[in-house]
N, C-alpha and C. Protein backbone atom coordinates (compact mmCIF):
# COMPACT_ATOMS: atom_id res chain seq x y z
N MET A 1 62.61 25.39 -5.78
CA MET A 1 61.71 25.30 -6.91
C MET A 1 62.30 24.37 -7.95
N SER A 2 61.46 23.60 -8.57
CA SER A 2 61.96 22.63 -9.53
C SER A 2 61.97 23.16 -10.95
N CYS A 3 61.53 24.39 -11.17
CA CYS A 3 61.62 24.94 -12.52
C CYS A 3 62.84 25.85 -12.60
N ILE A 4 63.25 26.16 -13.80
CA ILE A 4 64.42 27.01 -14.00
C ILE A 4 64.11 28.41 -13.47
N PRO A 5 64.98 28.96 -12.62
CA PRO A 5 64.72 30.31 -12.09
C PRO A 5 64.67 31.34 -13.21
N TRP A 6 63.76 32.27 -13.07
CA TRP A 6 63.68 33.37 -14.02
C TRP A 6 64.73 34.39 -13.62
N GLU A 7 65.58 34.73 -14.53
CA GLU A 7 66.65 35.68 -14.23
C GLU A 7 66.56 36.86 -15.20
N PHE A 8 65.67 37.78 -14.88
CA PHE A 8 65.51 38.98 -15.68
C PHE A 8 66.10 40.15 -14.93
N PRO A 9 66.67 41.14 -15.64
CA PRO A 9 67.33 42.25 -14.95
C PRO A 9 66.38 43.16 -14.16
N GLN A 10 65.11 43.14 -14.51
CA GLN A 10 64.16 43.98 -13.79
C GLN A 10 62.80 43.29 -13.77
N PRO A 11 61.99 43.62 -12.77
CA PRO A 11 60.66 43.00 -12.69
C PRO A 11 59.71 43.58 -13.75
N PHE A 12 58.60 42.90 -13.93
CA PHE A 12 57.62 43.25 -14.95
C PHE A 12 56.37 43.88 -14.34
N ASP A 13 55.67 44.65 -15.14
CA ASP A 13 54.36 45.18 -14.76
C ASP A 13 53.25 44.19 -15.14
N TYR A 14 53.53 43.36 -16.13
CA TYR A 14 52.49 42.45 -16.64
C TYR A 14 53.16 41.18 -17.14
N ILE A 15 52.62 40.04 -16.73
CA ILE A 15 53.06 38.73 -17.23
C ILE A 15 51.81 37.99 -17.67
N HIS A 16 51.82 37.51 -18.91
CA HIS A 16 50.69 36.77 -19.46
C HIS A 16 51.16 35.38 -19.90
N VAL A 17 50.43 34.37 -19.49
CA VAL A 17 50.74 32.98 -19.83
C VAL A 17 49.49 32.38 -20.45
N ARG A 18 49.64 31.66 -21.56
CA ARG A 18 48.47 31.08 -22.20
C ARG A 18 48.81 29.71 -22.81
N SER A 19 47.93 28.78 -22.56
CA SER A 19 47.93 27.47 -23.23
C SER A 19 49.27 26.75 -23.16
N ILE A 20 49.81 26.59 -21.97
CA ILE A 20 51.06 25.84 -21.83
C ILE A 20 50.84 24.52 -21.08
N THR A 21 49.59 24.11 -20.98
CA THR A 21 49.27 22.84 -20.33
C THR A 21 50.05 21.72 -21.02
N GLY A 22 50.60 20.86 -20.23
CA GLY A 22 51.41 19.75 -20.74
C GLY A 22 52.89 20.08 -20.77
N GLY A 23 53.23 21.35 -20.64
CA GLY A 23 54.62 21.76 -20.66
C GLY A 23 55.19 22.06 -19.29
N ILE A 24 54.34 22.00 -18.27
CA ILE A 24 54.75 22.37 -16.92
C ILE A 24 54.52 21.20 -15.97
N GLY A 25 55.53 20.89 -15.19
CA GLY A 25 55.37 19.85 -14.19
C GLY A 25 55.01 20.40 -12.82
N ASP A 26 55.59 21.56 -12.49
CA ASP A 26 55.38 22.15 -11.18
C ASP A 26 54.71 23.52 -11.34
N TRP A 27 53.40 23.51 -11.35
CA TRP A 27 52.64 24.73 -11.57
C TRP A 27 52.81 25.72 -10.42
N ALA A 28 52.89 25.23 -9.21
CA ALA A 28 53.08 26.13 -8.07
C ALA A 28 54.38 26.91 -8.21
N ALA A 29 55.42 26.24 -8.69
CA ALA A 29 56.70 26.92 -8.90
C ALA A 29 56.60 27.97 -10.01
N LEU A 30 55.87 27.68 -11.06
CA LEU A 30 55.67 28.66 -12.12
C LEU A 30 54.99 29.91 -11.58
N HIS A 31 53.91 29.72 -10.82
CA HIS A 31 53.20 30.87 -10.26
C HIS A 31 54.09 31.65 -9.29
N GLN A 32 54.90 30.96 -8.51
CA GLN A 32 55.80 31.63 -7.58
C GLN A 32 56.84 32.45 -8.34
N GLN A 33 57.38 31.90 -9.42
CA GLN A 33 58.33 32.64 -10.25
C GLN A 33 57.69 33.90 -10.82
N ALA A 34 56.44 33.77 -11.28
CA ALA A 34 55.74 34.94 -11.82
C ALA A 34 55.55 35.99 -10.73
N PHE A 35 55.14 35.55 -9.55
CA PHE A 35 54.94 36.47 -8.42
C PHE A 35 56.22 37.23 -8.11
N LEU A 36 57.32 36.51 -8.02
CA LEU A 36 58.60 37.14 -7.67
C LEU A 36 59.14 38.04 -8.78
N SER A 37 58.64 37.87 -10.00
CA SER A 37 59.13 38.64 -11.15
C SER A 37 58.26 39.85 -11.47
N LEU A 38 57.28 40.14 -10.62
CA LEU A 38 56.40 41.28 -10.83
C LEU A 38 56.79 42.48 -9.96
N ASN A 39 56.59 43.67 -10.50
CA ASN A 39 56.65 44.90 -9.70
C ASN A 39 55.47 44.91 -8.74
N PRO A 40 55.55 45.68 -7.66
CA PRO A 40 54.35 45.87 -6.84
C PRO A 40 53.21 46.40 -7.72
N ARG A 41 52.02 45.87 -7.52
CA ARG A 41 50.81 46.14 -8.29
C ARG A 41 50.86 45.54 -9.69
N GLY A 42 51.93 44.81 -10.00
CA GLY A 42 52.03 44.15 -11.29
C GLY A 42 50.96 43.07 -11.44
N LEU A 43 50.52 42.85 -12.68
CA LEU A 43 49.44 41.92 -12.97
C LEU A 43 49.98 40.65 -13.62
N TYR A 44 49.51 39.53 -13.13
CA TYR A 44 49.82 38.20 -13.70
C TYR A 44 48.51 37.62 -14.19
N GLU A 45 48.51 37.13 -15.41
CA GLU A 45 47.31 36.54 -15.99
C GLU A 45 47.68 35.23 -16.67
N ILE A 46 46.89 34.21 -16.40
CA ILE A 46 47.11 32.91 -17.02
C ILE A 46 45.79 32.41 -17.60
N GLU A 47 45.87 31.89 -18.82
CA GLU A 47 44.68 31.39 -19.51
C GLU A 47 44.93 29.98 -20.01
N GLY A 48 43.88 29.18 -20.00
CA GLY A 48 43.96 27.84 -20.54
C GLY A 48 42.67 27.08 -20.28
N HIS A 49 42.57 25.93 -20.88
CA HIS A 49 41.36 25.13 -20.71
C HIS A 49 41.62 23.92 -19.84
N ASP A 50 40.57 23.48 -19.18
CA ASP A 50 40.71 22.21 -18.49
C ASP A 50 40.72 21.14 -19.56
N PHE A 51 41.37 20.08 -19.30
CA PHE A 51 41.56 19.06 -20.31
C PHE A 51 40.51 17.97 -20.20
N MET A 52 39.26 18.39 -20.21
CA MET A 52 38.13 17.46 -20.19
C MET A 52 37.07 17.99 -21.13
N LEU A 53 36.51 17.11 -21.92
CA LEU A 53 35.33 17.48 -22.70
C LEU A 53 34.12 17.35 -21.80
N ARG A 54 33.20 18.25 -21.97
CA ARG A 54 31.98 18.24 -21.17
C ARG A 54 30.78 18.31 -22.09
N CYS A 55 29.61 18.01 -21.54
CA CYS A 55 28.36 18.17 -22.27
C CYS A 55 27.22 18.26 -21.27
N ASP A 56 26.14 18.89 -21.71
CA ASP A 56 24.96 19.01 -20.86
C ASP A 56 23.90 17.99 -21.26
N ASP A 57 24.18 17.24 -22.30
CA ASP A 57 23.24 16.20 -22.74
C ASP A 57 23.98 14.87 -22.72
N LYS A 58 23.64 13.96 -23.55
CA LYS A 58 24.27 12.64 -23.58
C LYS A 58 25.33 12.51 -24.68
N SER A 59 25.85 13.64 -25.17
CA SER A 59 26.81 13.61 -26.28
C SER A 59 28.05 12.78 -25.98
N LEU A 60 28.53 12.81 -24.76
CA LEU A 60 29.73 12.04 -24.42
C LEU A 60 29.49 10.54 -24.49
N ASP A 61 28.24 10.12 -24.34
CA ASP A 61 27.94 8.69 -24.45
C ASP A 61 28.18 8.16 -25.85
N LYS A 62 28.18 9.06 -26.84
CA LYS A 62 28.33 8.67 -28.25
C LYS A 62 29.77 8.71 -28.73
N VAL A 63 30.70 9.08 -27.88
CA VAL A 63 32.09 9.27 -28.31
C VAL A 63 33.03 8.43 -27.45
N SER A 64 32.93 7.14 -27.58
CA SER A 64 33.72 6.24 -26.73
C SER A 64 35.22 6.37 -26.98
N SER A 65 35.62 6.60 -28.24
CA SER A 65 37.05 6.76 -28.52
C SER A 65 37.60 8.03 -27.89
N ILE A 66 36.82 9.11 -27.93
CA ILE A 66 37.27 10.36 -27.31
C ILE A 66 37.38 10.18 -25.80
N LYS A 67 36.40 9.54 -25.19
CA LYS A 67 36.46 9.31 -23.75
C LYS A 67 37.68 8.46 -23.38
N GLN A 68 37.93 7.42 -24.14
CA GLN A 68 39.08 6.57 -23.88
C GLN A 68 40.38 7.36 -24.10
N TRP A 69 40.42 8.16 -25.15
CA TRP A 69 41.60 8.98 -25.44
C TRP A 69 41.90 9.92 -24.27
N LEU A 70 40.88 10.61 -23.77
CA LEU A 70 41.10 11.54 -22.66
C LEU A 70 41.61 10.81 -21.42
N SER A 71 41.04 9.67 -21.13
CA SER A 71 41.46 8.91 -19.96
C SER A 71 42.93 8.47 -20.10
N LEU A 72 43.28 7.94 -21.24
CA LEU A 72 44.65 7.49 -21.47
C LEU A 72 45.62 8.67 -21.52
N LEU A 73 45.19 9.78 -22.09
CA LEU A 73 46.03 10.96 -22.18
C LEU A 73 46.37 11.48 -20.77
N HIS A 74 45.36 11.52 -19.90
CA HIS A 74 45.61 11.94 -18.51
C HIS A 74 46.55 10.98 -17.80
N GLN A 75 46.36 9.69 -18.05
CA GLN A 75 47.23 8.68 -17.44
C GLN A 75 48.68 8.88 -17.90
N ALA A 76 48.88 9.03 -19.20
CA ALA A 76 50.23 9.19 -19.75
C ALA A 76 50.87 10.50 -19.28
N ALA A 77 50.10 11.57 -19.25
CA ALA A 77 50.63 12.86 -18.79
C ALA A 77 51.03 12.78 -17.32
N GLY A 78 50.25 12.07 -16.53
CA GLY A 78 50.60 11.86 -15.13
C GLY A 78 51.92 11.11 -14.99
N LEU A 79 52.09 10.08 -15.80
CA LEU A 79 53.35 9.32 -15.78
C LEU A 79 54.52 10.19 -16.22
N ALA A 80 54.26 11.16 -17.10
CA ALA A 80 55.29 12.07 -17.59
C ALA A 80 55.57 13.20 -16.60
N GLY A 81 54.75 13.30 -15.56
CA GLY A 81 54.92 14.37 -14.59
C GLY A 81 54.42 15.72 -15.09
N ARG A 82 53.47 15.68 -16.02
CA ARG A 82 52.92 16.89 -16.63
C ARG A 82 51.40 16.85 -16.58
N PRO A 83 50.81 17.15 -15.44
CA PRO A 83 49.35 17.06 -15.32
C PRO A 83 48.65 18.00 -16.29
N LEU A 84 47.51 17.55 -16.82
CA LEU A 84 46.80 18.31 -17.84
C LEU A 84 45.60 19.09 -17.31
N ASN A 85 44.88 18.56 -16.38
CA ASN A 85 43.62 19.17 -15.95
C ASN A 85 43.89 20.13 -14.79
N VAL A 86 44.53 21.27 -15.12
CA VAL A 86 44.99 22.17 -14.07
C VAL A 86 44.35 23.56 -14.10
N ALA A 87 43.64 23.92 -15.14
CA ALA A 87 43.15 25.30 -15.31
C ALA A 87 42.30 25.76 -14.12
N SER A 88 41.52 24.86 -13.56
CA SER A 88 40.65 25.24 -12.44
C SER A 88 41.42 25.37 -11.12
N LYS A 89 42.70 25.03 -11.12
CA LYS A 89 43.51 25.07 -9.91
C LYS A 89 44.39 26.31 -9.78
N HIS A 90 44.48 27.10 -10.85
CA HIS A 90 45.38 28.25 -10.83
C HIS A 90 45.03 29.24 -9.73
N LYS A 91 43.76 29.48 -9.51
CA LYS A 91 43.33 30.45 -8.50
C LYS A 91 43.88 30.07 -7.13
N GLU A 92 43.74 28.82 -6.75
CA GLU A 92 44.21 28.36 -5.44
C GLU A 92 45.73 28.46 -5.34
N TRP A 93 46.43 28.05 -6.39
CA TRP A 93 47.89 28.15 -6.39
C TRP A 93 48.35 29.60 -6.26
N MET A 94 47.64 30.50 -6.96
CA MET A 94 48.01 31.92 -6.90
C MET A 94 47.78 32.48 -5.50
N LYS A 95 46.70 32.09 -4.84
CA LYS A 95 46.47 32.52 -3.46
C LYS A 95 47.63 32.09 -2.57
N HIS A 96 48.04 30.85 -2.74
CA HIS A 96 49.12 30.29 -1.93
C HIS A 96 50.43 31.06 -2.13
N CYS A 97 50.65 31.60 -3.34
CA CYS A 97 51.88 32.36 -3.62
C CYS A 97 51.84 33.78 -3.09
N GLY A 98 50.66 34.26 -2.72
CA GLY A 98 50.56 35.61 -2.19
C GLY A 98 49.91 36.62 -3.11
N PHE A 99 49.41 36.20 -4.24
CA PHE A 99 48.73 37.13 -5.14
C PHE A 99 47.49 37.69 -4.45
N ALA A 100 47.16 38.93 -4.78
CA ALA A 100 45.96 39.59 -4.27
C ALA A 100 45.04 39.94 -5.44
N CYS A 101 43.83 40.34 -5.13
CA CYS A 101 42.86 40.75 -6.15
C CYS A 101 42.71 39.68 -7.23
N ILE A 102 42.65 38.43 -6.82
CA ILE A 102 42.57 37.33 -7.78
C ILE A 102 41.17 37.24 -8.36
N GLU A 103 41.11 37.17 -9.68
CA GLU A 103 39.85 37.01 -10.39
C GLU A 103 39.95 35.80 -11.30
N GLU A 104 38.85 35.07 -11.36
CA GLU A 104 38.79 33.90 -12.24
C GLU A 104 37.53 34.02 -13.09
N GLU A 105 37.70 33.91 -14.38
CA GLU A 105 36.57 33.86 -15.31
C GLU A 105 36.58 32.50 -15.98
N LYS A 106 35.40 31.96 -16.18
CA LYS A 106 35.27 30.66 -16.82
C LYS A 106 34.32 30.80 -18.01
N PHE A 107 34.76 30.32 -19.16
CA PHE A 107 33.99 30.40 -20.39
C PHE A 107 33.74 29.00 -20.93
N ARG A 108 32.65 28.84 -21.60
CA ARG A 108 32.31 27.57 -22.24
C ARG A 108 32.56 27.72 -23.74
N LEU A 109 33.51 26.91 -24.26
CA LEU A 109 33.84 26.95 -25.68
C LEU A 109 33.34 25.67 -26.35
N PRO A 110 32.43 25.81 -27.31
CA PRO A 110 31.87 24.63 -27.96
C PRO A 110 32.88 23.94 -28.88
N ILE A 111 32.71 22.64 -29.01
CA ILE A 111 33.44 21.87 -30.01
C ILE A 111 32.40 21.51 -31.07
N GLY A 112 32.46 22.18 -32.19
CA GLY A 112 31.45 21.98 -33.24
C GLY A 112 30.49 23.17 -33.31
N THR A 113 29.57 23.09 -34.25
CA THR A 113 28.69 24.23 -34.57
C THR A 113 27.30 24.08 -33.98
N TRP A 114 27.16 23.50 -32.83
CA TRP A 114 25.86 23.17 -32.26
C TRP A 114 25.19 24.32 -31.53
N MET A 115 25.91 25.36 -31.16
CA MET A 115 25.27 26.46 -30.43
C MET A 115 24.51 27.36 -31.42
N ASP A 116 23.48 28.02 -30.94
CA ASP A 116 22.64 28.86 -31.79
C ASP A 116 23.28 30.20 -32.14
N ASP A 117 24.02 30.78 -31.21
CA ASP A 117 24.63 32.08 -31.42
C ASP A 117 25.66 32.01 -32.56
N PRO A 118 25.56 32.90 -33.58
CA PRO A 118 26.50 32.84 -34.71
C PRO A 118 27.97 32.94 -34.30
N LYS A 119 28.26 33.79 -33.32
CA LYS A 119 29.65 33.92 -32.85
C LYS A 119 30.13 32.60 -32.24
N MET A 120 29.28 31.97 -31.43
CA MET A 120 29.67 30.71 -30.80
C MET A 120 29.76 29.58 -31.82
N LYS A 121 28.94 29.64 -32.87
CA LYS A 121 29.06 28.66 -33.97
C LYS A 121 30.44 28.75 -34.62
N ALA A 122 30.86 29.99 -34.89
CA ALA A 122 32.17 30.20 -35.51
C ALA A 122 33.29 29.73 -34.58
N ILE A 123 33.17 30.06 -33.30
CA ILE A 123 34.17 29.60 -32.32
C ILE A 123 34.19 28.08 -32.27
N GLY A 124 33.00 27.46 -32.27
CA GLY A 124 32.91 26.00 -32.24
C GLY A 124 33.54 25.34 -33.45
N GLN A 125 33.37 25.97 -34.60
CA GLN A 125 33.98 25.43 -35.81
C GLN A 125 35.50 25.47 -35.70
N LEU A 126 36.03 26.60 -35.22
CA LEU A 126 37.47 26.73 -35.02
C LEU A 126 37.99 25.77 -33.95
N MET A 127 37.23 25.61 -32.89
CA MET A 127 37.65 24.71 -31.81
C MET A 127 37.70 23.26 -32.28
N ARG A 128 36.75 22.88 -33.13
CA ARG A 128 36.78 21.51 -33.66
C ARG A 128 38.03 21.30 -34.52
N VAL A 129 38.34 22.27 -35.37
CA VAL A 129 39.54 22.17 -36.20
C VAL A 129 40.79 22.13 -35.31
N GLN A 130 40.82 23.02 -34.33
CA GLN A 130 41.98 23.05 -33.41
C GLN A 130 42.14 21.72 -32.71
N MET A 131 41.04 21.16 -32.25
CA MET A 131 41.12 19.88 -31.54
C MET A 131 41.58 18.76 -32.47
N ALA A 132 41.06 18.75 -33.69
CA ALA A 132 41.46 17.72 -34.65
C ALA A 132 42.96 17.83 -34.98
N LEU A 133 43.47 19.04 -35.04
CA LEU A 133 44.90 19.23 -35.30
C LEU A 133 45.76 18.90 -34.08
N ALA A 134 45.21 19.09 -32.89
CA ALA A 134 45.98 18.87 -31.66
C ALA A 134 46.08 17.41 -31.24
N VAL A 135 45.07 16.63 -31.56
CA VAL A 135 45.04 15.23 -31.09
C VAL A 135 46.31 14.46 -31.46
N PRO A 136 46.75 14.47 -32.72
CA PRO A 136 47.97 13.70 -33.03
C PRO A 136 49.20 14.17 -32.26
N SER A 137 49.38 15.48 -32.15
CA SER A 137 50.58 15.96 -31.46
C SER A 137 50.53 15.70 -29.96
N TRP A 138 49.37 15.75 -29.35
CA TRP A 138 49.25 15.44 -27.93
C TRP A 138 49.45 13.95 -27.67
N THR A 139 49.08 13.14 -28.62
CA THR A 139 48.96 11.70 -28.36
C THR A 139 50.23 10.91 -28.61
N MET A 140 50.88 11.11 -29.73
CA MET A 140 51.96 10.22 -30.16
C MET A 140 53.06 10.07 -29.10
N ALA A 141 53.64 11.17 -28.67
CA ALA A 141 54.76 11.07 -27.72
C ALA A 141 54.31 10.49 -26.38
N LEU A 142 53.19 10.95 -25.86
CA LEU A 142 52.75 10.46 -24.56
C LEU A 142 52.42 8.97 -24.59
N PHE A 143 51.73 8.52 -25.62
CA PHE A 143 51.33 7.12 -25.69
C PHE A 143 52.52 6.19 -25.96
N THR A 144 53.44 6.61 -26.83
CA THR A 144 54.58 5.73 -27.13
C THR A 144 55.62 5.75 -26.01
N ARG A 145 55.87 6.90 -25.41
CA ARG A 145 56.90 7.00 -24.38
C ARG A 145 56.44 6.52 -23.01
N HIS A 146 55.16 6.74 -22.69
CA HIS A 146 54.73 6.49 -21.31
C HIS A 146 53.71 5.37 -21.17
N LEU A 147 53.05 4.99 -22.26
CA LEU A 147 52.11 3.87 -22.19
C LEU A 147 52.61 2.65 -22.95
N GLY A 148 53.72 2.79 -23.67
CA GLY A 148 54.31 1.66 -24.36
C GLY A 148 53.62 1.26 -25.66
N TRP A 149 52.80 2.13 -26.21
CA TRP A 149 52.11 1.81 -27.46
C TRP A 149 53.09 1.93 -28.63
N SER A 150 52.83 1.17 -29.68
CA SER A 150 53.59 1.34 -30.92
C SER A 150 53.03 2.53 -31.69
N ALA A 151 53.84 3.10 -32.56
CA ALA A 151 53.39 4.23 -33.36
C ALA A 151 52.20 3.84 -34.25
N VAL A 152 52.22 2.62 -34.76
CA VAL A 152 51.13 2.15 -35.62
C VAL A 152 49.83 2.06 -34.82
N SER A 153 49.89 1.55 -33.60
CA SER A 153 48.70 1.48 -32.75
C SER A 153 48.16 2.86 -32.43
N VAL A 154 49.07 3.79 -32.15
CA VAL A 154 48.64 5.16 -31.83
C VAL A 154 47.97 5.78 -33.05
N GLU A 155 48.54 5.62 -34.21
CA GLU A 155 47.95 6.19 -35.43
C GLU A 155 46.55 5.65 -35.68
N SER A 156 46.38 4.35 -35.49
CA SER A 156 45.06 3.74 -35.67
C SER A 156 44.06 4.29 -34.66
N PHE A 157 44.48 4.42 -33.43
CA PHE A 157 43.62 4.96 -32.38
C PHE A 157 43.25 6.41 -32.67
N ILE A 158 44.23 7.20 -33.10
CA ILE A 158 43.98 8.60 -33.44
C ILE A 158 42.93 8.71 -34.54
N GLU A 159 42.98 7.84 -35.53
CA GLU A 159 41.97 7.85 -36.60
C GLU A 159 40.56 7.76 -36.04
N ASN A 160 40.36 6.86 -35.09
CA ASN A 160 39.03 6.71 -34.48
C ASN A 160 38.62 7.94 -33.69
N VAL A 161 39.57 8.52 -32.96
CA VAL A 161 39.27 9.73 -32.18
C VAL A 161 38.89 10.87 -33.13
N LEU A 162 39.65 11.03 -34.21
CA LEU A 162 39.37 12.12 -35.15
C LEU A 162 38.02 11.93 -35.84
N LYS A 163 37.66 10.71 -36.17
CA LYS A 163 36.34 10.46 -36.76
C LYS A 163 35.23 10.96 -35.84
N GLU A 164 35.38 10.70 -34.55
CA GLU A 164 34.36 11.15 -33.60
C GLU A 164 34.36 12.66 -33.46
N ILE A 165 35.53 13.26 -33.39
CA ILE A 165 35.60 14.72 -33.26
C ILE A 165 34.92 15.40 -34.44
N LEU A 166 35.14 14.87 -35.61
CA LEU A 166 34.60 15.50 -36.82
C LEU A 166 33.14 15.15 -37.08
N SER A 167 32.61 14.15 -36.39
CA SER A 167 31.23 13.75 -36.67
C SER A 167 30.22 14.19 -35.61
N VAL A 168 30.64 14.39 -34.39
CA VAL A 168 29.70 14.75 -33.33
C VAL A 168 29.23 16.18 -33.54
N GLU A 169 27.93 16.37 -33.52
CA GLU A 169 27.36 17.69 -33.80
C GLU A 169 26.78 18.38 -32.58
N ARG A 170 26.49 17.70 -31.52
CA ARG A 170 25.77 18.34 -30.42
C ARG A 170 26.52 18.27 -29.11
N GLY A 171 26.51 19.35 -28.40
CA GLY A 171 26.74 19.36 -26.98
C GLY A 171 28.13 19.39 -26.40
N LEU A 172 29.18 19.06 -27.14
CA LEU A 172 30.50 19.00 -26.53
C LEU A 172 31.11 20.38 -26.37
N TYR A 173 31.78 20.59 -25.24
CA TYR A 173 32.48 21.85 -25.02
C TYR A 173 33.62 21.64 -24.03
N ILE A 174 34.49 22.64 -23.98
CA ILE A 174 35.55 22.67 -22.97
C ILE A 174 35.34 23.93 -22.13
N SER A 175 35.89 23.93 -20.94
CA SER A 175 35.85 25.10 -20.08
C SER A 175 37.19 25.82 -20.18
N TRP A 176 37.14 27.09 -20.52
CA TRP A 176 38.32 27.94 -20.64
C TRP A 176 38.37 28.86 -19.43
N TYR A 177 39.53 28.97 -18.82
CA TYR A 177 39.71 29.80 -17.63
C TYR A 177 40.67 30.94 -17.91
N ARG A 178 40.34 32.09 -17.38
CA ARG A 178 41.25 33.23 -17.34
C ARG A 178 41.35 33.62 -15.86
N THR A 179 42.56 33.50 -15.32
CA THR A 179 42.78 33.80 -13.91
C THR A 179 43.87 34.87 -13.82
N SER A 180 43.61 35.87 -13.00
CA SER A 180 44.58 36.95 -12.87
C SER A 180 44.71 37.37 -11.41
N GLY A 181 45.84 37.94 -11.09
CA GLY A 181 46.08 38.44 -9.74
C GLY A 181 47.21 39.45 -9.75
N ARG A 182 47.27 40.23 -8.68
CA ARG A 182 48.29 41.27 -8.56
C ARG A 182 49.24 40.97 -7.41
N ARG A 183 50.44 41.46 -7.59
CA ARG A 183 51.40 41.44 -6.48
C ARG A 183 51.20 42.74 -5.70
N GLU A 184 50.89 42.61 -4.45
CA GLU A 184 50.66 43.81 -3.62
C GLU A 184 51.97 44.37 -3.14
C-alpha cells in the first residue's frame, strides 16, 4: 500500500471520512486500511462530492471561466497524483476491498438560491459561499506547482471564476455521495 499504515492498538466499530478529496492519491489503499481497521460488523462511511458542476439547463454555457477552471483543476490534480472526481467510485473500491452491505446515496446540492424549496435555498446559499471560499485555496498551489502559472496569473483567473460563481443564479449543482459498508 502506498499510504501510511494505520497503526492503532485496537480496531474500530465505526470509521467516518468526509471531504478529503485532493488529499489522497491512492483511494483503494485508504479503503483497504479502513477495512483492516474495523471490527467484524464495523461500519465504514465516506462522504464527499464529485468535483464537477452540473446543471439540467444551459447554466454551464454561461460560466466559461468556471468550466475552464474545473478542467485545469482536474489536469493539475492529475499531475499532482491526487485525482478529484472520485466520489462516485468509492462503492466499487469498497467492493474490491471486501466490504459487505454497501449502500450509496447521492444528493444534489445547489450552488446558489435557485431551488424553490426553502431548505434547499439555504443550502444553496451556503454552498455558493463555500465554493467562493474554496476556489482560491484549491487553485493557487495546483496551478503554480503543476501548471507553471504565476501567482499573479492565478489571482487574475480566480477573480473571473469568483465573479461567475457569485453571479449565476440558475441551475448549478454538485452531486454529494454518502457511501457506507460493513466488514463481515
